[in-house]
C-alpha atoms as a PDB file:
ATOM      1  CA  MET A   1     -15.466  25.962  32.895  1.00  0.00           C
ATOM      2  CA  LYS A   2     -18.519  23.721  33.252  1.00  0.00           C
ATOM      3  CA  LYS A   3     -20.235  25.738  30.524  1.00  0.00           C
ATOM      4  CA  TYR A   4     -17.391  24.959  28.105  1.00  0.00           C
ATOM      5  CA  LEU A   5     -17.367  21.267  28.999  1.00  0.00           C
ATOM      6  CA  ILE A   6     -21.080  21.085  28.228  1.00  0.00           C
ATOM      7  CA  GLN A   7     -20.682  23.128  25.056  1.00  0.00           C
ATOM      8  CA  PHE A   8     -17.825  20.995  23.720  1.00  0.00           C
ATOM      9  CA  LYS A   9     -19.058  17.652  25.068  1.00  0.00           C
ATOM     10  CA  PRO A  10     -19.644  16.036  21.629  1.00  0.00           C
ATOM     11  CA  PHE A  11     -16.148  17.037  20.494  1.00  0.00           C
ATOM     12  CA  LEU A  12     -14.536  15.833  23.716  1.00  0.00           C
ATOM     13  CA  ILE A  13     -16.381  12.505  23.497  1.00  0.00           C
ATOM     14  CA  PHE A  14     -15.274  12.109  19.865  1.00  0.00           C
ATOM     15  CA  VAL A  15     -11.622  12.885  20.623  1.00  0.00           C
ATOM     16  CA  SER A  16     -11.435  10.703  23.729  1.00  0.00           C
ATOM     17  CA  THR A  17     -13.201   7.778  22.028  1.00  0.00           C
ATOM     18  CA  PHE A  18     -11.039   8.082  18.915  1.00  0.00           C
ATOM     19  CA  PHE A  19      -7.767   8.100  20.857  1.00  0.00           C
ATOM     20  CA  ALA A  20      -8.862   5.373  23.289  1.00  0.00           C
ATOM     21  CA  VAL A  21      -9.810   3.027  20.443  1.00  0.00           C
ATOM     22  CA  TYR A  22      -6.744   3.977  18.375  1.00  0.00           C
ATOM     23  CA  ILE A  23      -4.350   3.364  21.279  1.00  0.00           C
ATOM     24  CA  ALA A  24      -6.060   0.091  22.281  1.00  0.00           C
ATOM     25  CA  LEU A  25      -6.031  -1.301  18.721  1.00  0.00           C
ATOM     26  CA  THR A  26      -2.457  -0.141  18.109  1.00  0.00           C
ATOM     27  CA  MET A  27      -1.286  -1.808  21.318  1.00  0.00           C
ATOM     28  CA  ALA A  28      -3.169  -5.022  20.448  1.00  0.00           C
ATOM     29  CA  TYR A  29      -1.544  -4.993  17.000  1.00  0.00           C
ATOM     30  CA  LYS A  30       1.885  -4.418  18.571  1.00  0.00           C
ATOM     31  CA  PHE A  31       1.362  -7.432  20.866  1.00  0.00           C
ATOM     32  CA  TYR A  32       0.328  -9.442  17.815  1.00  0.00           C
ATOM     33  CA  LEU A  33       3.491  -8.400  15.952  1.00  0.00           C
ATOM     34  CA  ASP A  34       5.660  -9.127  18.985  1.00  0.00           C
ATOM     35  CA  SER A  35       4.398 -12.719  18.942  1.00  0.00           C
ATOM     36  CA  TYR A  36       6.311 -13.226  15.686  1.00  0.00           C
ATOM     37  CA  ASN A  37      10.029 -13.739  15.971  1.00  0.00           C
ATOM     38  CA  ASP A  38      12.815 -15.619  14.191  1.00  0.00           C
ATOM     39  CA  ASN A  39      12.710 -13.034  11.372  1.00  0.00           C
ATOM     40  CA  ARG A  40       9.381 -14.423  10.149  1.00  0.00           C
ATOM     41  CA  ALA A  41       6.836 -12.073   8.656  1.00  0.00           C
ATOM     42  CA  ASP A  42       3.543 -11.786  10.505  1.00  0.00           C
ATOM     43  CA  GLY A  43       0.460 -13.705   9.402  1.00  0.00           C
ATOM     44  CA  ILE A  44      -1.447 -10.711   8.042  1.00  0.00           C
ATOM     45  CA  THR A  45       1.473  -9.689   5.822  1.00  0.00           C
ATOM     46  CA  ALA A  46       1.772 -13.320   4.695  1.00  0.00           C
ATOM     47  CA  MET A  47      -1.938 -13.383   3.825  1.00  0.00           C
ATOM     48  CA  VAL A  48      -1.677 -10.107   1.893  1.00  0.00           C
ATOM     49  CA  SER A  49       1.349 -11.431  -0.005  1.00  0.00           C
ATOM     50  CA  HIS A  50      -0.454 -14.662  -0.840  1.00  0.00           C
ATOM     51  CA  ASN A  51      -3.521 -12.744  -2.059  1.00  0.00           C
ATOM     52  CA  VAL A  52      -1.362 -10.471  -4.241  1.00  0.00           C
ATOM     53  CA  GLU A  53       0.203 -13.554  -5.800  1.00  0.00           C
ATOM     54  CA  GLN A  54      -3.236 -15.141  -6.363  1.00  0.00           C
ATOM     55  CA  LEU A  55      -4.533 -11.954  -7.997  1.00  0.00           C
ATOM     56  CA  MET A  56      -1.529 -11.682 -10.297  1.00  0.00           C
ATOM     57  CA  LEU A  57      -1.699 -15.381 -11.217  1.00  0.00           C
ATOM     58  CA  PHE A  58      -5.408 -14.973 -12.005  1.00  0.00           C
ATOM     59  CA  PHE A  59      -4.320 -12.536 -14.723  1.00  0.00           C
ATOM     60  CA  ASN A  60      -1.616 -14.976 -15.941  1.00  0.00           C
ATOM     61  CA  SER A  61       1.249 -12.851 -14.662  1.00  0.00           C
ATOM     62  CA  ASP A  62       4.735 -14.278 -14.282  1.00  0.00           C
ATOM     63  CA  ILE A  63       4.872 -13.612 -10.539  1.00  0.00           C
ATOM     64  CA  ASN A  64       6.718 -15.267  -7.694  1.00  0.00           C
ATOM     65  CA  ILE A  65       6.414 -14.162  -4.085  1.00  0.00           C
ATOM     66  CA  GLN A  66       8.713 -15.824  -1.562  1.00  0.00           C
ATOM     67  CA  GLU A  67       9.171 -15.202   2.127  1.00  0.00           C
ATOM     68  CA  ASN A  68      12.602 -13.848   2.983  1.00  0.00           C
ATOM     69  CA  LEU A  69      13.386 -15.592   6.264  1.00  0.00           C
ATOM     70  CA  ASN A  70      16.287 -13.247   7.003  1.00  0.00           C
ATOM     71  CA  ASN A  71      14.365  -9.977   6.897  1.00  0.00           C
ATOM     72  CA  SER A  72      10.675 -10.497   7.843  1.00  0.00           C
ATOM     73  CA  ARG A  73       9.405  -9.725   4.376  1.00  0.00           C
ATOM     74  CA  PHE A  74       8.166 -11.233   1.141  1.00  0.00           C
ATOM     75  CA  ASP A  75      10.232 -10.638  -2.008  1.00  0.00           C
ATOM     76  CA  VAL A  76       8.291 -10.159  -5.232  1.00  0.00           C
ATOM     77  CA  THR A  77       9.716 -11.238  -8.585  1.00  0.00           C
ATOM     78  CA  TYR A  78       7.806 -10.247 -11.709  1.00  0.00           C
ATOM     79  CA  ASN A  79       8.873 -11.416 -15.178  1.00  0.00           C
ATOM     80  CA  GLY A  80      12.136 -12.636 -13.653  1.00  0.00           C
ATOM     81  CA  VAL A  81      12.956  -9.251 -12.115  1.00  0.00           C
ATOM     82  CA  SER A  82      13.086  -8.780  -8.343  1.00  0.00           C
ATOM     83  CA  LEU A  83      11.031  -5.636  -7.895  1.00  0.00           C
ATOM     84  CA  ILE A  84       9.572  -5.047  -4.471  1.00  0.00           C
ATOM     85  CA  SER A  85       9.361  -6.391  -0.963  1.00  0.00           C
ATOM     86  CA  ILE A  86       6.138  -6.689   0.993  1.00  0.00           C
ATOM     87  CA  VAL A  87       6.820  -5.802   4.626  1.00  0.00           C
ATOM     88  CA  GLU A  88       4.585  -5.397   7.678  1.00  0.00           C
ATOM     89  CA  GLY A  89       3.851  -1.759   6.778  1.00  0.00           C
ATOM     90  CA  CYS A  90       2.346  -2.887   3.463  1.00  0.00           C
ATOM     91  CA  ASN A  91      -0.527  -4.842   5.001  1.00  0.00           C
ATOM     92  CA  ALA A  92      -2.787  -1.779   5.592  1.00  0.00           C
ATOM     93  CA  VAL A  93      -3.463  -2.671   9.236  1.00  0.00           C
ATOM     94  CA  SER A  94      -2.516   0.845  10.371  1.00  0.00           C
ATOM     95  CA  VAL A  95      -5.004   2.322   7.890  1.00  0.00           C
ATOM     96  CA  ILE A  96      -7.687  -0.105   9.082  1.00  0.00           C
ATOM     97  CA  ILE A  97      -7.014   0.827  12.731  1.00  0.00           C
ATOM     98  CA  LEU A  98      -7.414   4.504  11.823  1.00  0.00           C
ATOM     99  CA  PHE A  99     -10.657   3.726   9.984  1.00  0.00           C
ATOM    100  CA  ILE A 100     -12.136   1.713  12.862  1.00  0.00           C
ATOM    101  CA  SER A 101     -11.162   4.362  15.436  1.00  0.00           C
ATOM    102  CA  PHE A 102     -12.913   7.098  13.501  1.00  0.00           C
ATOM    103  CA  VAL A 103     -16.084   5.078  12.884  1.00  0.00           C
ATOM    104  CA  LEU A 104     -16.343   4.090  16.553  1.00  0.00           C
ATOM    105  CA  ALA A 105     -15.765   7.695  17.619  1.00  0.00           C
ATOM    106  CA  PHE A 106     -18.821   8.634  15.529  1.00  0.00           C
ATOM    107  CA  SER A 107     -20.635   5.418  16.341  1.00  0.00           C
ATOM    108  CA  GLY A 108     -24.215   4.780  15.430  1.00  0.00           C
ATOM    109  CA  LYS A 109     -26.472   1.840  16.084  1.00  0.00           C
ATOM    110  CA  PHE A 110     -24.526  -1.287  16.974  1.00  0.00           C
ATOM    111  CA  LYS A 111     -25.513  -3.391  13.950  1.00  0.00           C
ATOM    112  CA  LYS A 112     -24.894  -0.586  11.426  1.00  0.00           C
ATOM    113  CA  THR A 113     -21.580   0.260  13.080  1.00  0.00           C
ATOM    114  CA  LEU A 114     -20.426  -3.349  13.050  1.00  0.00           C
ATOM    115  CA  LEU A 115     -21.499  -3.936   9.439  1.00  0.00           C
ATOM    116  CA  PHE A 116     -19.882  -0.707   8.239  1.00  0.00           C
ATOM    117  CA  ILE A 117     -16.628  -1.558  10.038  1.00  0.00           C
ATOM    118  CA  LEU A 118     -16.621  -5.045   8.510  1.00  0.00           C
ATOM    119  CA  PHE A 119     -17.338  -3.588   5.051  1.00  0.00           C
ATOM    120  CA  GLY A 120     -14.559  -1.018   5.534  1.00  0.00           C
ATOM    121  CA  ILE A 121     -12.008  -3.602   6.680  1.00  0.00           C
ATOM    122  CA  LEU A 122     -12.789  -5.901   3.764  1.00  0.00           C
ATOM    123  CA  SER A 123     -12.811  -3.155   1.140  1.00  0.00           C
ATOM    124  CA  VAL A 124      -9.578  -1.540   2.416  1.00  0.00           C
ATOM    125  CA  TYR A 125      -7.934  -4.984   2.472  1.00  0.00           C
ATOM    126  CA  ILE A 126      -8.996  -5.689  -1.138  1.00  0.00           C
ATOM    127  CA  LEU A 127      -7.936  -2.216  -2.258  1.00  0.00           C
ATOM    128  CA  ASN A 128      -4.549  -2.786  -0.620  1.00  0.00           C
ATOM    129  CA  VAL A 129      -4.026  -6.133  -2.393  1.00  0.00           C
ATOM    130  CA  VAL A 130      -4.883  -4.459  -5.712  1.00  0.00           C
ATOM    131  CA  ARG A 131      -2.552  -1.566  -4.796  1.00  0.00           C
ATOM    132  CA  ILE A 132       0.428  -3.901  -4.287  1.00  0.00           C
ATOM    133  CA  ALA A 133      -0.324  -5.797  -7.515  1.00  0.00           C
ATOM    134  CA  LEU A 134      -0.533  -2.530  -9.455  1.00  0.00           C
ATOM    135  CA  LEU A 135       2.650  -1.238  -7.827  1.00  0.00           C
ATOM    136  CA  THR A 136       4.422  -4.380  -9.023  1.00  0.00           C
ATOM    137  CA  LEU A 137       3.288  -3.741 -12.588  1.00  0.00           C
ATOM    138  CA  LEU A 138       4.069  -0.028 -12.468  1.00  0.00           C
ATOM    139  CA  PHE A 139       7.505  -0.592 -10.930  1.00  0.00           C
ATOM    140  CA  PHE A 140       8.294  -3.018 -13.753  1.00  0.00           C
ATOM    141  CA  HIS A 141       6.972  -0.880 -16.628  1.00  0.00           C
ATOM    142  CA  PHE A 142       7.720   2.632 -15.307  1.00  0.00           C
ATOM    143  CA  PRO A 143      10.625   2.280 -12.849  1.00  0.00           C
ATOM    144  CA  LYS A 144      11.686   5.902 -12.945  1.00  0.00           C
ATOM    145  CA  TYR A 145       8.381   6.889 -11.286  1.00  0.00           C
ATOM    146  CA  ASN A 146       8.602   4.436  -8.365  1.00  0.00           C
ATOM    147  CA  HIS A 147       8.618   7.174  -5.718  1.00  0.00           C
ATOM    148  CA  LEU A 148       5.599   8.843  -7.324  1.00  0.00           C
ATOM    149  CA  TRP A 149       3.608   5.584  -7.382  1.00  0.00           C
ATOM    150  CA  HIS A 150       4.565   4.377  -3.908  1.00  0.00           C
ATOM    151  CA  GLY A 151       4.974   7.664  -2.072  1.00  0.00           C
ATOM    152  CA  VAL A 152       2.245   9.837  -3.597  1.00  0.00           C
ATOM    153  CA  VAL A 153      -0.351   8.220  -5.856  1.00  0.00           C
ATOM    154  CA  PHE A 154      -1.245   5.094  -3.898  1.00  0.00           C
ATOM    155  CA  PRO A 155      -1.205   6.668  -0.406  1.00  0.00           C
ATOM    156  CA  LEU A 156      -3.481   9.369  -1.823  1.00  0.00           C
ATOM    157  CA  LEU A 157      -5.823   6.710  -3.212  1.00  0.00           C
ATOM    158  CA  ILE A 158      -6.006   4.529  -0.102  1.00  0.00           C
ATOM    159  CA  TYR A 159      -6.316   7.409   2.371  1.00  0.00           C
ATOM    160  CA  GLY A 160      -8.705   9.169  -0.010  1.00  0.00           C
ATOM    161  CA  TYR A 161     -10.862   6.039  -0.086  1.00  0.00           C
ATOM    162  CA  VAL A 162     -10.901   5.861   3.726  1.00  0.00           C
ATOM    163  CA  PHE A 163     -11.818   9.557   3.849  1.00  0.00           C
ATOM    164  CA  VAL A 164     -14.761   8.924   1.498  1.00  0.00           C
ATOM    165  CA  LEU A 165     -15.877   6.027   3.739  1.00  0.00           C
ATOM    166  CA  TRP A 166     -15.750   8.372   6.747  1.00  0.00           C
ATOM    167  CA  ILE A 167     -17.856  10.988   4.950  1.00  0.00           C
ATOM    168  CA  ILE A 168     -20.413   8.322   4.020  1.00  0.00           C
ATOM    169  CA  TRP A 169     -20.421   7.040   7.606  1.00  0.00           C
ATOM    170  CA  ILE A 170     -20.961  10.478   9.155  1.00  0.00           C
ATOM    171  CA  ASN A 171     -23.653  11.535   6.695  1.00  0.00           C
ATOM    172  CA  LYS A 172     -25.588   8.282   6.370  1.00  0.00           C
ATOM    173  CA  PHE A 173     -25.112   6.022   9.388  1.00  0.00           C
ATOM    174  CA  SER A 174     -23.595   7.714  12.445  1.00  0.00           C
ATOM    175  CA  LYS A 175     -25.645   9.092  15.307  1.00  0.00           C
ATOM    176  CA  TYR A 176     -24.989  12.554  13.850  1.00  0.00           C
ATOM    177  CA  ALA A 177     -26.555  11.729  10.458  1.00  0.00           C
ATOM    178  CA  LYS A 178     -29.706  13.682   9.816  1.00  0.00           C
END
């Protein structure tokens, strides 16, 4: 048994670190969400919604995003048509938690790890804001493909991007990079 523990030590360290970080961050996020009540949307979702509106207004779009105080969400109206709602699940925090957990499980030097995590958080956040803005446009112009855009194309893009970041991290910066 000891032989197998030694043989699989790197894998066991990776798995235990990944799950420990993932569970800790998920619980911290849950406590954060639980601090919001009265049917108000959380601050991160509010910030994402505000940034989507800013991005769309930058391109002179007829956009209006209003908090729905009855349902913990932000309702998006584009060209006078109510199209989508931005809810807690749209803020990409779960994707960011997954990203951070993986990077820490394959950690490297402290400074490189911290900088890569900060870069990843920022770039995933920006990609998510762009994703919601594009979904708004696509839902307006191509409504019969809403499930394809929301359920297939954009999850593939955002998770694909995180996967590429992981590959870069492992091959260039982690302690396993050669």
